[in-house]
Amino acid sequence: MAQSKIPNPLARRHLIEKEFDAASALAVAEAYLADARKVEALDFLAKAGATDRLTALQEEAVAEGDAFLFQAVARHLDEAPPAEGWHRLADAADAAGKELYAATARRQAGRVTE
């Protein structure tokens, strides 16, 4: 069996706390993304300053109707998602049968416009 490039949980925690160059952080993020572990890649994308990749992940979250990922990316971008993004996410979540995420997105959209 091939050895994974993804660090074990303890090593991951140490890497998150460690200062290292953007290229190394991006390499770790890419390893997580290659294994479809998007949420775990977020800290490393942020360390790498890969705002474009974070924004792309946020758009993927909208398309997939994934409210958890959408909100997690927003935290790493340090910006509140607009109501329009929440509405689009709610529609995608409805289409995918993700009722809880759709309800969460609608609730969050209501908070943005209040």
C-alpha atoms as a PDB file:
ATOM      1  CA  MET A   1       0.000   0.000   0.000  1.00  0.00           C
ATOM      2  CA  ALA A   2       1.332   3.444  -0.955  1.00  0.00           C
ATOM      3  CA  GLN A   3       2.215   5.879   1.797  1.00  0.00           C
ATOM      4  CA  SER A   4      -0.053   8.914   1.892  1.00  0.00           C
ATOM      5  CA  LYS A   5       1.416  12.420   1.648  1.00  0.00           C
ATOM      6  CA  ILE A   6      -1.226  13.540   4.126  1.00  0.00           C
ATOM      7  CA  PRO A   7       0.110  14.055   7.652  1.00  0.00           C
ATOM      8  CA  ASN A   8      -1.385  12.104  10.505  1.00  0.00           C
ATOM      9  CA  PRO A   9      -3.621  14.129  12.873  1.00  0.00           C
ATOM     10  CA  LEU A  10      -0.846  14.943  15.344  1.00  0.00           C
ATOM     11  CA  ALA A  11       1.575  15.989  12.604  1.00  0.00           C
ATOM     12  CA  ARG A  12      -1.207  18.065  11.024  1.00  0.00           C
ATOM     13  CA  ARG A  13      -1.750  19.921  14.280  1.00  0.00           C
ATOM     14  CA  HIS A  14       1.957  20.669  14.556  1.00  0.00           C
ATOM     15  CA  LEU A  15       2.090  21.832  10.934  1.00  0.00           C
ATOM     16  CA  ILE A  16      -0.816  24.212  11.459  1.00  0.00           C
ATOM     17  CA  GLU A  17       0.997  25.818  14.384  1.00  0.00           C
ATOM     18  CA  LYS A  18       4.346  25.903  12.571  1.00  0.00           C
ATOM     19  CA  GLU A  19       5.601  28.759  10.415  1.00  0.00           C
ATOM     20  CA  PHE A  20       6.631  27.568   6.978  1.00  0.00           C
ATOM     21  CA  ASP A  21       6.765  28.876   3.441  1.00  0.00           C
ATOM     22  CA  ALA A  22       3.749  29.271   1.197  1.00  0.00           C
ATOM     23  CA  ALA A  23       4.904  26.617  -1.261  1.00  0.00           C
ATOM     24  CA  SER A  24       5.133  23.990   1.480  1.00  0.00           C
ATOM     25  CA  ALA A  25       1.727  24.953   2.880  1.00  0.00           C
ATOM     26  CA  LEU A  26       0.230  24.769  -0.609  1.00  0.00           C
ATOM     27  CA  ALA A  27       1.771  21.324  -1.163  1.00  0.00           C
ATOM     28  CA  VAL A  28       0.137  20.011   2.015  1.00  0.00           C
ATOM     29  CA  ALA A  29      -3.191  21.600   0.984  1.00  0.00           C
ATOM     30  CA  GLU A  30      -2.952  19.978  -2.455  1.00  0.00           C
ATOM     31  CA  ALA A  31      -2.384  16.579  -0.843  1.00  0.00           C
ATOM     32  CA  TYR A  32      -5.569  16.999   1.184  1.00  0.00           C
ATOM     33  CA  LEU A  33      -7.506  18.220  -1.854  1.00  0.00           C
ATOM     34  CA  ALA A  34      -6.277  15.273  -3.939  1.00  0.00           C
ATOM     35  CA  ASP A  35      -7.802  13.023  -1.300  1.00  0.00           C
ATOM     36  CA  ALA A  36     -11.089  15.039  -1.364  1.00  0.00           C
ATOM     37  CA  ARG A  37     -10.471  16.324   2.183  1.00  0.00           C
ATOM     38  CA  LYS A  38     -11.425  19.930   1.515  1.00  0.00           C
ATOM     39  CA  VAL A  39     -12.062  21.107   5.059  1.00  0.00           C
ATOM     40  CA  GLU A  40      -8.677  19.829   6.223  1.00  0.00           C
ATOM     41  CA  ALA A  41      -6.985  21.683   3.355  1.00  0.00           C
ATOM     42  CA  LEU A  42      -8.385  25.068   4.407  1.00  0.00           C
ATOM     43  CA  ASP A  43      -5.831  25.877   7.122  1.00  0.00           C
ATOM     44  CA  PHE A  44      -2.984  25.170   4.721  1.00  0.00           C
ATOM     45  CA  LEU A  45      -4.524  27.168   1.878  1.00  0.00           C
ATOM     46  CA  ALA A  46      -4.849  30.092   4.280  1.00  0.00           C
ATOM     47  CA  LYS A  47      -1.217  29.664   5.404  1.00  0.00           C
ATOM     48  CA  ALA A  48      -0.177  29.681   1.744  1.00  0.00           C
ATOM     49  CA  GLY A  49      -2.157  32.855   1.112  1.00  0.00           C
ATOM     50  CA  ALA A  50      -4.050  31.019  -1.638  1.00  0.00           C
ATOM     51  CA  THR A  51      -7.085  33.300  -1.627  1.00  0.00           C
ATOM     52  CA  ASP A  52      -7.957  32.304  -5.185  1.00  0.00           C
ATOM     53  CA  ARG A  53      -8.080  28.619  -4.208  1.00  0.00           C
ATOM     54  CA  LEU A  54     -10.176  29.414  -1.136  1.00  0.00           C
ATOM     55  CA  THR A  55     -12.609  31.395  -3.287  1.00  0.00           C
ATOM     56  CA  ALA A  56     -12.799  28.494  -5.761  1.00  0.00           C
ATOM     57  CA  LEU A  57     -13.556  26.106  -2.883  1.00  0.00           C
ATOM     58  CA  GLN A  58     -16.278  28.441  -1.690  1.00  0.00           C
ATOM     59  CA  GLU A  59     -17.859  28.315  -5.157  1.00  0.00           C
ATOM     60  CA  GLU A  60     -17.610  24.507  -5.102  1.00  0.00           C
ATOM     61  CA  ALA A  61     -19.395  24.544  -1.753  1.00  0.00           C
ATOM     62  CA  VAL A  62     -22.197  26.608  -3.274  1.00  0.00           C
ATOM     63  CA  ALA A  63     -22.499  24.260  -6.267  1.00  0.00           C
ATOM     64  CA  GLU A  64     -22.555  21.211  -3.979  1.00  0.00           C
ATOM     65  CA  GLY A  65     -24.957  22.778  -1.488  1.00  0.00           C
ATOM     66  CA  ASP A  66     -22.413  22.331   1.323  1.00  0.00           C
ATOM     67  CA  ALA A  67     -23.178  24.959   3.978  1.00  0.00           C
ATOM     68  CA  PHE A  68     -20.486  23.693   6.345  1.00  0.00           C
ATOM     69  CA  LEU A  69     -17.681  24.071   3.790  1.00  0.00           C
ATOM     70  CA  PHE A  70     -19.076  27.421   2.599  1.00  0.00           C
ATOM     71  CA  GLN A  71     -18.986  28.859   6.102  1.00  0.00           C
ATOM     72  CA  ALA A  72     -15.585  27.357   6.896  1.00  0.00           C
ATOM     73  CA  VAL A  73     -14.056  28.953   3.805  1.00  0.00           C
ATOM     74  CA  ALA A  74     -15.644  32.294   4.720  1.00  0.00           C
ATOM     75  CA  ARG A  75     -13.916  32.137   8.107  1.00  0.00           C
ATOM     76  CA  HIS A  76     -10.567  31.507   6.420  1.00  0.00           C
ATOM     77  CA  LEU A  77     -11.195  34.385   4.006  1.00  0.00           C
ATOM     78  CA  ASP A  78     -12.175  36.525   7.004  1.00  0.00           C
ATOM     79  CA  GLU A  79     -15.323  37.803   5.319  1.00  0.00           C
ATOM     80  CA  ALA A  80     -19.003  37.202   5.854  1.00  0.00           C
ATOM     81  CA  PRO A  81     -20.659  35.515   2.876  1.00  0.00           C
ATOM     82  CA  PRO A  82     -23.254  37.667   1.125  1.00  0.00           C
ATOM     83  CA  ALA A  83     -26.940  36.762   1.284  1.00  0.00           C
ATOM     84  CA  GLU A  84     -26.868  36.020  -2.453  1.00  0.00           C
ATOM     85  CA  GLY A  85     -24.279  33.280  -1.871  1.00  0.00           C
ATOM     86  CA  TRP A  86     -26.411  31.737   0.846  1.00  0.00           C
ATOM     87  CA  HIS A  87     -29.477  31.812  -1.435  1.00  0.00           C
ATOM     88  CA  ARG A  88     -27.596  30.089  -4.263  1.00  0.00           C
ATOM     89  CA  LEU A  89     -26.308  27.507  -1.804  1.00  0.00           C
ATOM     90  CA  ALA A  90     -29.825  26.883  -0.483  1.00  0.00           C
ATOM     91  CA  ASP A  91     -31.080  26.240  -4.024  1.00  0.00           C
ATOM     92  CA  ALA A  92     -28.227  23.824  -4.734  1.00  0.00           C
ATOM     93  CA  ALA A  93     -28.752  22.056  -1.414  1.00  0.00           C
ATOM     94  CA  ASP A  94     -32.469  21.659  -2.176  1.00  0.00           C
ATOM     95  CA  ALA A  95     -31.645  20.195  -5.574  1.00  0.00           C
ATOM     96  CA  ALA A  96     -29.198  17.746  -3.962  1.00  0.00           C
ATOM     97  CA  GLY A  97     -31.691  16.727  -1.256  1.00  0.00           C
ATOM     98  CA  LYS A  98     -29.606  18.289   1.518  1.00  0.00           C
ATOM     99  CA  GLU A  99     -32.494  19.671   3.517  1.00  0.00           C
ATOM    100  CA  LEU A 100     -30.488  20.590   6.619  1.00  0.00           C
ATOM    101  CA  TYR A 101     -27.912  22.540   4.606  1.00  0.00           C
ATOM    102  CA  ALA A 102     -30.706  24.269   2.670  1.00  0.00           C
ATOM    103  CA  ALA A 103     -32.404  25.331   5.904  1.00  0.00           C
ATOM    104  CA  THR A 104     -29.075  26.498   7.349  1.00  0.00           C
ATOM    105  CA  ALA A 105     -28.349  28.541   4.230  1.00  0.00           C
ATOM    106  CA  ARG A 106     -31.767  30.219   4.316  1.00  0.00           C
ATOM    107  CA  ARG A 107     -31.355  31.035   7.996  1.00  0.00           C
ATOM    108  CA  GLN A 108     -27.895  32.511   7.361  1.00  0.00           C
ATOM    109  CA  ALA A 109     -29.173  34.527   4.389  1.00  0.00           C
ATOM    110  CA  GLY A 110     -31.850  36.015   6.650  1.00  0.00           C
ATOM    111  CA  ARG A 111     -29.219  37.034   9.170  1.00  0.00           C
ATOM    112  CA  VAL A 112     -27.155  38.810   6.511  1.00  0.00           C
ATOM    113  CA  THR A 113     -30.082  40.942   5.334  1.00  0.00           C
ATOM    114  CA  GLU A 114     -31.264  41.845   8.844  1.00  0.00           C
END
